[in-house]
Amino acid sequence: MQRFGERARLDSKVITVRTAPRDRRRAIVSFGGITVQAAIGRFGKTAFKREGDGATPIASMRVLYGFVRGERVRLPPTALPMRHIRKDMLWCDQPEHPAYNSLVKAPFRPSHEEMMRADGLYDICLVLDWNITSRRRHRGSAIFLHLIKPGYQPTAGCIAVSLADMKRLIHYMRKGTVVRVL
């Protein structure tokens, strides 16, 4: 039988993402007693994730590490391994390339995303283990937990929360925390 304190510790290792009522592009994120609003993919969720489909995968994904724009955002203490974003950091999203779904360095000609975005979405960006440790071509890339666009606009498949909510959540997260999209 679990004791009261054990349940809180166990719950804090799993972040649950559920579709919000009446809008498949919005979500409710629950974590260790905290509940916040989020945006997900513009086409909602899918069990059959494909590169460029605009949907968030229905899956349990471990948090691997994160990125931060240190000159723009001050992080609260976190046990997560975090790297400072540099201008030459890119994320390969070209399925045919050997570096597919991984961090690469500029200059890089194949299709990619810039990690140092002008819009600030990746000022805090956590890398989720979707198609990384067991990589398959065209299965989807760059599934992150990152910051939200104004008005909770949908993402290309990631999960996005406000800066204030990210700071609340990241304080309790560590490598291996599971993000479960239901």
Protein backbone atom coordinates (compact mmCIF):
# COMPACT_ATOMS: atom_id res chain seq x y z
CA MET A 1 0.00 0.00 0.00
CA GLN A 2 1.31 3.45 -0.92
CA ARG A 3 1.79 6.06 1.72
CA PHE A 4 0.55 9.61 1.15
CA GLY A 5 4.05 11.03 0.46
CA GLU A 6 4.94 8.19 -1.93
CA ARG A 7 2.01 8.97 -4.21
CA ALA A 8 3.12 12.59 -4.61
CA ARG A 9 6.66 11.48 -5.52
CA LEU A 10 5.38 8.91 -8.04
CA ASP A 11 2.94 11.36 -9.63
CA SER A 12 5.70 13.93 -10.07
CA LYS A 13 7.55 11.54 -12.42
CA VAL A 14 4.75 11.57 -14.99
CA ILE A 15 3.34 14.56 -16.87
CA THR A 16 -0.09 13.78 -18.30
CA VAL A 17 -1.32 15.57 -21.42
CA ARG A 18 -5.03 15.28 -22.25
CA THR A 19 -6.99 16.97 -25.02
CA ALA A 20 -8.98 19.95 -23.77
CA PRO A 21 -12.75 19.87 -24.14
CA ARG A 22 -14.08 21.36 -27.40
CA ASP A 23 -10.68 21.95 -29.05
CA ARG A 24 -8.41 19.11 -30.19
CA ARG A 25 -5.51 21.56 -30.59
CA ARG A 26 -5.51 22.51 -26.90
CA ALA A 27 -4.54 20.36 -23.93
CA ILE A 28 -4.60 20.10 -20.16
CA VAL A 29 -1.22 19.24 -18.65
CA SER A 30 -1.14 17.69 -15.16
CA PHE A 31 2.01 17.14 -13.14
CA GLY A 32 2.48 16.54 -9.41
CA GLY A 33 -0.71 18.36 -8.47
CA ILE A 34 -0.16 21.21 -10.96
CA THR A 35 -2.60 21.61 -13.87
CA VAL A 36 -1.93 24.05 -16.70
CA GLN A 37 -3.20 24.83 -20.20
CA ALA A 38 -1.18 23.89 -23.28
CA ALA A 39 -1.27 23.75 -27.04
CA ILE A 40 -0.63 20.62 -29.07
CA GLY A 41 -0.45 19.86 -32.79
CA ARG A 42 -2.67 21.73 -35.23
CA PHE A 43 -4.26 18.39 -36.19
CA GLY A 44 -4.61 17.20 -32.59
CA LYS A 45 -3.16 13.84 -31.55
CA THR A 46 -2.32 10.72 -33.51
CA ALA A 47 -1.31 7.14 -32.80
CA PHE A 48 0.38 6.99 -36.24
CA LYS A 49 2.85 9.89 -36.19
CA ARG A 50 4.50 10.81 -39.50
CA GLU A 51 7.00 13.55 -40.35
CA GLY A 52 5.20 16.84 -41.05
CA ASP A 53 1.67 15.64 -40.18
CA GLY A 54 1.10 18.46 -37.66
CA ALA A 55 -0.08 16.06 -34.94
CA THR A 56 1.19 15.27 -31.46
CA PRO A 57 2.03 11.59 -30.94
CA ILE A 58 -0.08 9.58 -28.49
CA ALA A 59 2.77 8.09 -26.50
CA SER A 60 4.79 8.01 -23.30
CA MET A 61 8.01 9.94 -23.94
CA ARG A 62 10.89 10.44 -21.51
CA VAL A 63 12.42 13.89 -21.09
CA LEU A 64 16.05 13.55 -22.21
CA TYR A 65 17.50 17.06 -21.72
CA GLY A 66 16.73 20.66 -22.52
CA PHE A 67 17.88 23.89 -24.09
CA VAL A 68 17.68 27.42 -22.73
CA ARG A 69 18.31 30.90 -24.13
CA GLY A 70 20.23 32.10 -21.10
CA GLU A 71 20.44 35.69 -22.30
CA ARG A 72 16.61 35.86 -22.50
CA VAL A 73 15.32 33.55 -19.78
CA ARG A 74 16.46 32.79 -16.26
CA LEU A 75 15.75 29.21 -15.24
CA PRO A 76 14.66 28.15 -11.78
CA PRO A 77 16.74 25.36 -10.24
CA THR A 78 16.22 22.08 -12.11
CA ALA A 79 17.74 18.61 -12.08
CA LEU A 80 17.37 18.41 -15.87
CA PRO A 81 20.54 18.54 -17.95
CA MET A 82 20.26 21.88 -19.80
CA ARG A 83 22.39 23.31 -22.63
CA HIS A 84 22.65 26.96 -23.63
CA ILE A 85 21.41 27.54 -27.18
CA ARG A 86 23.95 28.88 -29.65
CA LYS A 87 23.34 30.37 -33.10
CA ASP A 88 24.90 27.35 -34.84
CA MET A 89 22.51 24.82 -33.23
CA LEU A 90 20.00 23.25 -35.61
CA TRP A 91 17.70 20.20 -35.44
CA CYS A 92 17.67 17.95 -38.53
CA ASP A 93 14.17 17.06 -39.77
CA GLN A 94 15.21 15.55 -43.12
CA PRO A 95 14.14 11.86 -42.91
CA GLU A 96 16.68 10.65 -45.49
CA HIS A 97 19.67 12.23 -43.73
CA PRO A 98 21.77 10.15 -41.27
CA ALA A 99 21.39 12.93 -38.64
CA TYR A 100 17.56 12.79 -38.85
CA ASN A 101 15.90 13.89 -35.60
CA SER A 102 19.06 15.04 -33.88
CA LEU A 103 21.00 18.18 -33.07
CA VAL A 104 23.33 19.32 -35.85
CA LYS A 105 25.66 22.26 -36.32
CA ALA A 106 25.41 25.05 -38.92
CA PRO A 107 26.17 25.28 -41.74
CA PHE A 108 23.81 22.41 -42.60
CA ARG A 109 22.04 22.19 -45.97
CA PRO A 110 19.38 19.47 -45.40
CA SER A 111 16.02 20.46 -43.90
CA HIS A 112 16.28 21.62 -40.27
CA GLU A 113 14.87 23.83 -37.55
CA GLU A 114 16.85 26.62 -35.91
CA MET A 115 17.09 26.22 -32.14
CA MET A 116 17.74 29.94 -31.61
CA ARG A 117 14.35 31.17 -32.78
CA ALA A 118 13.46 34.85 -33.03
CA ASP A 119 9.92 34.17 -31.75
CA GLY A 120 11.19 32.78 -28.42
CA LEU A 121 9.35 29.44 -28.60
CA TYR A 122 12.55 27.54 -27.81
CA ASP A 123 13.81 29.93 -25.11
CA ILE A 124 13.15 26.90 -22.91
CA CYS A 125 12.86 23.71 -24.93
CA LEU A 126 12.82 20.17 -23.52
CA VAL A 127 13.69 17.27 -25.83
CA LEU A 128 11.25 14.37 -25.59
CA ASP A 129 12.33 10.86 -26.56
CA TRP A 130 10.10 10.53 -29.59
CA ASN A 131 11.91 8.64 -32.36
CA ILE A 132 15.36 9.44 -30.92
CA THR A 133 16.75 6.42 -29.03
CA SER A 134 14.99 4.11 -31.49
CA ARG A 135 15.00 6.20 -34.69
CA ARG A 136 12.89 5.34 -37.76
CA ARG A 137 12.73 7.37 -40.97
CA HIS A 138 9.60 9.52 -41.50
CA ARG A 139 8.26 8.74 -37.99
CA GLY A 140 8.45 12.37 -36.85
CA SER A 141 11.13 14.64 -35.46
CA ALA A 142 11.63 17.44 -32.97
CA ILE A 143 8.85 16.59 -30.53
CA PHE A 144 9.60 19.10 -27.79
CA LEU A 145 7.95 20.56 -24.72
CA HIS A 146 8.48 24.27 -25.38
CA LEU A 147 6.99 27.72 -24.87
CA ILE A 148 3.62 28.78 -26.25
CA LYS A 149 2.68 31.18 -29.03
CA PRO A 150 0.35 34.04 -28.02
CA GLY A 151 -3.27 32.89 -27.79
CA TYR A 152 -2.27 29.25 -27.35
CA GLN A 153 -1.94 28.74 -31.09
CA PRO A 154 -1.39 25.10 -32.08
CA THR A 155 2.07 23.64 -32.67
CA ALA A 156 3.52 21.51 -35.47
CA GLY A 157 3.26 18.48 -33.14
CA CYS A 158 4.99 19.58 -29.94
CA ILE A 159 3.47 20.40 -26.55
CA ALA A 160 3.67 24.07 -25.61
CA VAL A 161 3.02 25.87 -22.31
CA SER A 162 3.43 29.45 -21.07
CA LEU A 163 6.77 30.66 -19.70
CA ALA A 164 5.33 30.95 -16.18
CA ASP A 165 3.95 27.39 -16.35
CA MET A 166 7.20 26.01 -17.80
CA LYS A 167 9.12 27.54 -14.88
CA ARG A 168 6.69 25.91 -12.43
CA LEU A 169 7.00 22.51 -14.10
CA ILE A 170 10.73 22.44 -14.85
CA HIS A 171 11.63 22.99 -11.23
CA TYR A 172 10.36 19.47 -10.41
CA MET A 173 11.47 17.66 -13.57
CA ARG A 174 14.53 15.52 -14.15
CA LYS A 175 15.97 13.33 -16.89
CA GLY A 176 13.59 10.42 -17.35
CA THR A 177 10.42 12.27 -16.32
CA VAL A 178 7.71 10.81 -18.57
CA VAL A 179 5.39 12.95 -20.69
CA ARG A 180 2.32 10.80 -21.36
CA VAL A 181 0.02 12.02 -24.13
CA LEU A 182 -3.36 10.31 -23.81
